[in-house]
Amino acid sequence: MTKYFYYIFSLIKNFFFSKKIFYVIEYVKWANYNDAINLKKFFKKNLIITNEIHGIKNSIIHVGTHYKLFDKKGFKNIDQTNKLIVFWPHFDRKNYISSFLKKNISKIYKINTCSLKTKTELIKFGIPGRKILYTPLSFDKKIFYNIKEKKKIELKEKYSIPKNKLILGSFVKDGVGFEKGNIAKKIKNPQMLIKSLKKLKYKQDLFFVLSGPARGYLKNELKKLNINYFHKHCSSPNELAELYRLVDITIINSNLEGGPYSLLESLASGVPVISTKVGMATEVIKNNYNGYLLNINDHRLLTIKIHQLIKNREKIKLLKMNSIKSARPYSIENVGVKYYKKIYELN
């Protein structure tokens, strides 16, 4: 579908409906598309997913994509009968959008962030604390859940995944652009993972499962290290859910995140997570319980943790059980109630 189609279709919806919640996103299905979909499942017909702000009146406008707030003339003219809420998942001082939002904060009713870390950073940046509301990301427990070992073996056979290796998952887009992604994206820092793997003695005991677009950099580096992998650009959440079930450990090596979604989706699928101290990971991951937290760029400790788990598969079983428990508070059924009461103030 073309952008022109989305634009016309969105305008029709915006003018037709009122007294609703409008979740505004970009055309491209970025991570915040998950927010829109999950909230739609909770609020059903009371929430409208749209690509444009123009034409909305007497409603709650929840902007998931910052770029939708401005045009060449500056901040868009939003009807004063609306309540404007802006989702700000992570903070990057260098990004011009941060200064833009700070300059126009008086026009925004509330900032919604999914990370306490981000909330602290925004306050330090000069965003009034009274303007910021914390509500975590969510996952759909009807899609992302653990399955019995017999079913996992069948899935591995379906995708030709080895049964005698430690299966590591990487589900964060870490290449530049949406095509091959042969250039590493700095804030996602796949270089940290590669540095870690280079120092590992037991490379032959590893196998990777990758998802999403722009994974070229990581794939090329894994080939150089003679580490095999399976990569699939999933067309639906159900396909992605299958990939999580193939994995023993998910690795998040980013410098900057709001969540990410792979954190919650992994845990809900019974997959422990080794993550840098970014986004929600600092709130959800407990060392030696459902995974491990690392300082950004600490590739040496990542090497140690991977080595330990290669040698101790029983430890992985314990981490898996705890992972499922730790994900439960973040189901859309639980998080949706917080949006209802705290963000949209509908009670």
Protein backbone atom coordinates (compact mmCIF):
# COMPACT_ATOMS: atom_id res chain seq x y z
CA MET A 1 0.00 0.00 0.00
CA THR A 2 1.22 3.49 -0.77
CA LYS A 3 1.67 6.36 1.66
CA TYR A 4 -1.03 8.21 -0.26
CA PHE A 5 -3.51 5.42 0.48
CA TYR A 6 -2.61 5.43 4.18
CA TYR A 7 -2.99 9.21 4.28
CA ILE A 8 -6.49 9.20 2.73
CA PHE A 9 -7.64 6.22 4.77
CA SER A 10 -6.39 7.84 7.98
CA LEU A 11 -8.12 11.15 7.24
CA ILE A 12 -11.42 9.34 6.69
CA LYS A 13 -11.07 7.59 10.04
CA ASN A 14 -10.01 10.80 11.80
CA PHE A 15 -13.03 12.78 10.56
CA PHE A 16 -15.49 9.92 10.99
CA PHE A 17 -14.71 9.04 14.62
CA SER A 18 -14.69 11.23 17.72
CA LYS A 19 -14.41 10.76 21.47
CA LYS A 20 -12.00 7.90 20.83
CA ILE A 21 -8.34 7.12 21.52
CA PHE A 22 -6.26 7.67 18.37
CA TYR A 23 -2.87 5.98 18.32
CA VAL A 24 -0.72 7.71 15.69
CA ILE A 25 2.13 5.75 14.09
CA GLU A 26 4.44 5.85 11.06
CA TYR A 27 3.72 3.90 7.86
CA VAL A 28 6.70 1.63 8.42
CA LYS A 29 6.03 -1.05 11.04
CA TRP A 30 8.60 0.11 13.57
CA ALA A 31 8.66 -1.27 17.10
CA ASN A 32 5.95 1.14 18.26
CA TYR A 33 3.54 -0.61 15.91
CA ASN A 34 3.47 -3.32 18.60
CA ASP A 35 2.16 -0.76 21.10
CA ALA A 36 -0.68 0.16 18.78
CA ILE A 37 -1.62 -3.46 18.09
CA ASN A 38 -1.51 -4.54 21.74
CA LEU A 39 -3.53 -1.54 22.91
CA LYS A 40 -6.05 -2.15 20.13
CA LYS A 41 -6.55 -5.67 21.48
CA PHE A 42 -7.25 -4.25 24.93
CA PHE A 43 -9.37 -1.20 24.05
CA LYS A 44 -10.95 -2.76 20.93
CA LYS A 45 -13.29 -0.36 19.09
CA ASN A 46 -12.46 2.50 21.48
CA LEU A 47 -8.95 2.80 20.02
CA ILE A 48 -8.26 3.79 16.42
CA ILE A 49 -4.86 3.23 14.79
CA THR A 50 -4.11 6.03 12.35
CA ASN A 51 -1.18 7.50 10.42
CA GLU A 52 -2.22 11.17 10.60
CA ILE A 53 -3.20 13.70 13.26
CA HIS A 54 -5.16 16.09 11.03
CA GLY A 55 -8.94 15.96 11.49
CA ILE A 56 -9.06 14.51 15.00
CA LYS A 57 -11.31 16.32 17.50
CA ASN A 58 -12.67 15.72 21.00
CA SER A 59 -10.42 12.72 21.50
CA ILE A 60 -7.22 11.42 23.07
CA ILE A 61 -4.31 11.52 20.63
CA HIS A 62 -1.49 9.17 21.59
CA VAL A 63 1.49 9.78 19.31
CA GLY A 64 3.73 6.74 18.96
CA THR A 65 5.99 8.24 16.29
CA HIS A 66 7.51 11.65 17.06
CA TYR A 67 7.85 12.57 13.40
CA LYS A 68 4.07 12.80 13.18
CA LEU A 69 4.10 15.83 15.49
CA PHE A 70 5.74 18.28 13.12
CA ASP A 71 6.11 19.33 9.50
CA LYS A 72 8.23 21.90 7.66
CA LYS A 73 6.41 24.71 9.48
CA GLY A 74 7.11 23.25 12.91
CA PHE A 75 4.75 21.71 15.47
CA LYS A 76 1.51 20.63 13.81
CA ASN A 77 -1.68 22.50 14.58
CA ILE A 78 -3.63 20.07 16.76
CA ASP A 79 -7.22 20.86 17.65
CA GLN A 80 -7.44 22.14 21.23
CA THR A 81 -10.37 19.83 22.05
CA ASN A 82 -7.92 16.91 22.07
CA LYS A 83 -5.72 15.59 24.86
CA LEU A 84 -2.21 15.03 23.41
CA ILE A 85 -0.05 12.23 24.84
CA VAL A 86 3.40 11.51 23.39
CA PHE A 87 5.23 8.19 23.72
CA TRP A 88 8.94 8.76 24.46
CA PRO A 89 10.54 5.31 24.93
CA HIS A 90 14.22 6.27 25.15
CA PHE A 91 16.21 9.47 25.43
CA ASP A 92 18.96 10.59 23.05
CA ARG A 93 20.26 14.09 23.78
CA LYS A 94 21.97 14.23 20.37
CA ASN A 95 18.72 13.64 18.48
CA TYR A 96 17.17 16.95 17.40
CA ILE A 97 13.71 15.58 18.21
CA SER A 98 14.55 15.68 21.93
CA SER A 99 15.10 19.45 21.82
CA PHE A 100 12.03 19.87 19.64
CA LEU A 101 9.78 18.09 22.15
CA LYS A 102 11.28 19.99 25.07
CA LYS A 103 10.66 23.31 23.29
CA ASN A 104 7.00 22.39 22.68
CA ILE A 105 6.31 20.63 25.98
CA SER A 106 3.57 23.14 26.88
CA LYS A 107 1.48 21.81 23.97
CA ILE A 108 1.73 18.23 25.25
CA TYR A 109 -0.61 17.01 27.99
CA LYS A 110 1.55 14.07 29.10
CA ILE A 111 4.72 12.23 28.11
CA ASN A 112 4.37 8.45 28.30
CA THR A 113 7.56 6.43 28.73
CA CYS A 114 8.05 2.69 29.21
CA SER A 115 11.27 2.86 31.21
CA LEU A 116 12.02 4.33 34.63
CA LYS A 117 15.55 4.93 33.37
CA THR A 118 14.16 7.10 30.58
CA LYS A 119 11.91 8.96 33.01
CA THR A 120 14.93 9.91 35.11
CA GLU A 121 16.87 11.02 32.02
CA LEU A 122 13.96 13.16 30.78
CA ILE A 123 13.67 14.94 34.13
CA LYS A 124 17.41 15.67 34.08
CA PHE A 125 16.95 17.00 30.54
CA GLY A 126 14.39 19.51 31.80
CA ILE A 127 11.04 17.82 31.18
CA PRO A 128 8.80 18.50 34.22
CA GLY A 129 8.24 15.34 36.27
CA ARG A 130 4.50 16.08 36.50
CA LYS A 131 4.34 15.72 32.72
CA ILE A 132 5.84 12.21 32.64
CA LEU A 133 3.90 9.00 33.16
CA TYR A 134 5.60 5.59 33.33
CA THR A 135 3.83 2.60 31.84
CA PRO A 136 5.81 -0.44 30.64
CA LEU A 137 5.61 -2.14 27.26
CA SER A 138 3.42 -5.21 26.96
CA PHE A 139 3.18 -8.54 25.17
CA ASP A 140 0.31 -10.68 23.95
CA LYS A 141 0.26 -13.86 26.03
CA LYS A 142 -1.94 -15.56 23.42
CA ILE A 143 0.99 -15.37 20.99
CA PHE A 144 4.14 -15.40 23.11
CA TYR A 145 4.16 -18.34 25.52
CA ASN A 146 6.24 -21.37 26.41
CA ILE A 147 5.57 -24.79 24.88
CA LYS A 148 6.45 -28.33 25.93
CA GLU A 149 9.85 -29.76 25.09
CA LYS A 150 8.40 -32.25 22.59
CA LYS A 151 6.91 -29.38 20.57
CA LYS A 152 10.24 -27.53 20.69
CA ILE A 153 12.01 -30.54 19.24
CA GLU A 154 9.46 -30.63 16.42
CA LEU A 155 10.05 -26.91 15.77
CA LYS A 156 13.80 -27.44 15.62
CA GLU A 157 13.29 -30.17 13.06
CA LYS A 158 11.03 -27.87 11.05
CA TYR A 159 13.74 -25.18 10.85
CA SER A 160 16.75 -27.55 10.83
CA ILE A 161 18.08 -26.19 14.12
CA PRO A 162 20.77 -28.36 15.79
CA LYS A 163 19.74 -30.06 19.03
CA ASN A 164 23.22 -30.39 20.56
CA LYS A 165 24.25 -26.72 20.59
CA LEU A 166 23.52 -23.64 22.68
CA ILE A 167 20.98 -21.66 20.65
CA LEU A 168 21.42 -17.91 21.02
CA GLY A 169 18.74 -15.50 19.83
CA SER A 170 19.21 -11.98 18.48
CA PHE A 171 15.95 -10.20 17.69
CA VAL A 172 16.90 -6.51 17.55
CA LYS A 173 17.39 -4.84 14.14
CA ASP A 174 21.03 -3.80 14.33
CA GLY A 175 21.91 -2.78 10.76
CA VAL A 176 21.41 0.59 9.10
CA GLY A 177 18.23 0.89 6.99
CA PHE A 178 15.62 -1.76 6.19
CA GLU A 179 17.44 -3.71 3.46
CA LYS A 180 20.61 -5.79 3.91
CA GLY A 181 21.96 -3.77 6.83
CA ASN A 182 25.62 -4.51 6.18
CA ILE A 183 26.61 -1.41 8.17
CA ALA A 184 26.26 -1.76 11.93
CA LYS A 185 23.82 0.60 13.64
CA LYS A 186 25.76 2.35 16.37
CA ILE A 187 23.09 2.50 19.08
CA LYS A 188 22.33 -1.22 18.65
CA ASN A 189 26.04 -2.08 18.99
CA PRO A 190 26.29 -5.54 17.36
CA GLN A 191 30.07 -5.01 17.53
CA MET A 192 29.87 -5.81 21.26
CA LEU A 193 28.46 -9.25 20.52
CA ILE A 194 31.07 -9.98 17.85
CA LYS A 195 33.95 -8.93 20.14
CA SER A 196 32.55 -11.31 22.75
CA LEU A 197 32.26 -14.24 20.34
CA LYS A 198 35.79 -13.73 19.03
CA LYS A 199 37.16 -14.40 22.52
CA LEU A 200 35.01 -17.49 23.10
CA LYS A 201 36.82 -20.84 23.02
CA TYR A 202 33.74 -22.91 22.27
CA LYS A 203 32.39 -21.27 19.11
CA GLN A 204 31.57 -24.68 17.65
CA ASP A 205 28.99 -25.16 20.43
CA LEU A 206 26.92 -22.14 19.34
CA PHE A 207 24.12 -21.57 16.85
CA PHE A 208 22.23 -18.30 16.28
CA VAL A 209 18.59 -17.55 15.47
CA LEU A 210 18.04 -14.08 13.96
CA SER A 211 14.90 -12.20 13.00
CA GLY A 212 13.97 -8.95 11.28
CA PRO A 213 15.40 -6.85 8.47
CA ALA A 214 18.90 -5.33 8.17
CA ARG A 215 20.86 -8.14 9.84
CA GLY A 216 23.66 -8.19 7.25
CA TYR A 217 26.45 -6.98 9.54
CA LEU A 218 25.87 -9.69 12.13
CA LYS A 219 25.41 -12.43 9.53
CA ASN A 220 28.65 -11.50 7.77
CA GLU A 221 30.59 -11.49 11.04
CA LEU A 222 29.14 -14.83 12.14
CA LYS A 223 30.26 -16.34 8.85
CA LYS A 224 33.83 -15.10 9.47
CA LEU A 225 33.75 -16.84 12.86
CA ASN A 226 32.34 -20.06 11.35
CA ILE A 227 29.26 -19.81 13.57
CA ASN A 228 26.13 -21.06 11.84
CA TYR A 229 22.81 -19.24 12.04
CA PHE A 230 19.19 -19.28 10.89
CA HIS A 231 17.63 -15.97 9.83
CA LYS A 232 13.98 -15.30 9.09
CA HIS A 233 12.26 -11.98 8.39
CA CYS A 234 8.92 -12.85 9.99
CA SER A 235 5.71 -11.63 8.40
CA SER A 236 3.57 -12.07 11.53
CA PRO A 237 3.89 -12.14 15.34
CA ASN A 238 3.01 -15.85 15.28
CA GLU A 239 6.02 -16.59 13.08
CA LEU A 240 8.24 -14.59 15.41
CA ALA A 241 6.86 -16.50 18.39
CA GLU A 242 8.08 -19.74 16.81
CA LEU A 243 11.62 -18.37 16.59
CA TYR A 244 11.70 -17.53 20.30
CA ARG A 245 10.77 -21.13 21.09
CA LEU A 246 13.87 -22.34 19.26
CA VAL A 247 16.18 -20.34 21.50
CA ASP A 248 17.97 -21.07 24.80
CA ILE A 249 19.15 -17.52 25.54
CA THR A 250 18.32 -14.14 23.98
CA ILE A 251 21.09 -11.55 23.82
CA ILE A 252 20.48 -7.79 23.79
CA ASN A 253 23.67 -5.82 23.24
CA SER A 254 22.27 -2.34 22.55
CA ASN A 255 23.53 1.02 23.78
CA LEU A 256 20.00 2.49 23.78
CA GLU A 257 16.54 0.93 24.07
CA GLY A 258 13.10 1.69 25.41
CA GLY A 259 12.21 -1.96 25.95
CA PRO A 260 13.04 -3.66 23.74
CA TYR A 261 10.10 -5.89 22.85
CA SER A 262 12.37 -8.91 22.47
CA LEU A 263 12.99 -8.65 26.23
CA LEU A 264 9.37 -9.34 27.19
CA GLU A 265 8.60 -11.68 24.28
CA SER A 266 11.64 -13.82 25.13
CA LEU A 267 10.81 -14.09 28.82
CA ALA A 268 7.16 -14.88 28.08
CA SER A 269 8.36 -17.66 25.76
CA GLY A 270 10.48 -19.15 28.54
CA VAL A 271 13.76 -17.74 27.23
CA PRO A 272 16.18 -16.03 29.67
CA VAL A 273 17.86 -12.81 28.55
CA ILE A 274 21.40 -11.49 28.76
CA SER A 275 21.11 -7.74 28.26
CA THR A 276 23.02 -4.53 28.57
CA LYS A 277 21.62 -2.09 31.14
CA VAL A 278 19.17 -0.41 28.80
CA GLY A 279 15.45 0.39 28.82
CA MET A 280 13.19 -1.99 30.68
CA ALA A 281 15.94 -4.59 31.07
CA THR A 282 17.20 -2.86 34.23
CA GLU A 283 13.73 -3.26 35.78
CA VAL A 284 12.85 -6.74 34.54
CA ILE A 285 16.11 -8.72 34.54
CA LYS A 286 17.44 -10.03 37.83
CA ASN A 287 20.95 -11.45 37.75
CA ASN A 288 21.09 -15.23 38.10
CA TYR A 289 17.25 -15.40 38.22
CA ASN A 290 15.91 -14.81 34.69
CA GLY A 291 19.09 -13.71 32.96
CA TYR A 292 22.02 -11.34 33.41
CA LEU A 293 22.64 -7.60 33.17
CA LEU A 294 25.85 -6.22 31.66
CA ASN A 295 27.33 -2.78 31.42
CA ILE A 296 27.24 -1.32 27.92
CA ASN A 297 30.20 -2.57 25.87
CA ASP A 298 31.23 -5.15 28.48
CA HIS A 299 31.97 -7.83 25.89
CA ARG A 300 34.33 -9.64 28.28
CA LEU A 301 31.57 -10.40 30.79
CA LEU A 302 29.28 -11.44 27.93
CA THR A 303 31.92 -13.97 26.86
CA ILE A 304 32.09 -15.32 30.40
CA LYS A 305 28.31 -15.70 30.68
CA ILE A 306 27.99 -17.49 27.35
CA HIS A 307 30.86 -19.81 28.33
CA GLN A 308 29.20 -20.61 31.69
CA LEU A 309 25.88 -21.47 30.04
CA ILE A 310 27.53 -23.72 27.45
CA LYS A 311 28.98 -25.70 30.34
CA ASN A 312 25.91 -25.62 32.60
CA ARG A 313 22.70 -26.52 30.77
CA GLU A 314 20.91 -27.25 34.07
CA LYS A 315 21.30 -23.59 34.97
CA ILE A 316 19.46 -22.66 31.78
CA LYS A 317 16.47 -24.78 32.84
CA LEU A 318 16.17 -22.86 36.10
CA LEU A 319 16.50 -19.50 34.34
CA LYS A 320 13.78 -20.54 31.89
CA MET A 321 11.25 -21.27 34.65
CA ASN A 322 11.89 -17.93 36.31
CA SER A 323 11.66 -16.13 32.96
CA ILE A 324 8.04 -17.12 32.48
CA LYS A 325 7.10 -15.90 35.97
CA SER A 326 8.83 -12.56 35.51
CA ALA A 327 6.98 -11.81 32.26
CA ARG A 328 3.44 -12.16 33.63
CA PRO A 329 3.01 -8.59 34.95
CA TYR A 330 3.66 -7.27 31.43
CA SER A 331 0.84 -8.99 29.57
CA ILE A 332 -1.45 -6.55 27.74
CA GLU A 333 -4.25 -7.54 30.12
CA ASN A 334 -2.24 -6.15 33.04
CA VAL A 335 -0.56 -3.22 31.29
CA GLY A 336 -3.81 -2.21 29.56
CA VAL A 337 -5.41 -1.49 32.94
CA LYS A 338 -2.55 0.93 33.70
CA TYR A 339 -3.13 2.72 30.40
CA TYR A 340 -6.84 2.91 31.16
CA LYS A 341 -6.31 4.49 34.58
CA LYS A 342 -2.98 6.36 34.42
CA ILE A 343 -2.43 7.36 30.80
CA TYR A 344 -5.90 7.88 29.41
CA GLU A 345 -7.51 8.65 32.80
CA LEU A 346 -10.76 6.89 31.88
CA ASN A 347 -11.72 5.70 35.36
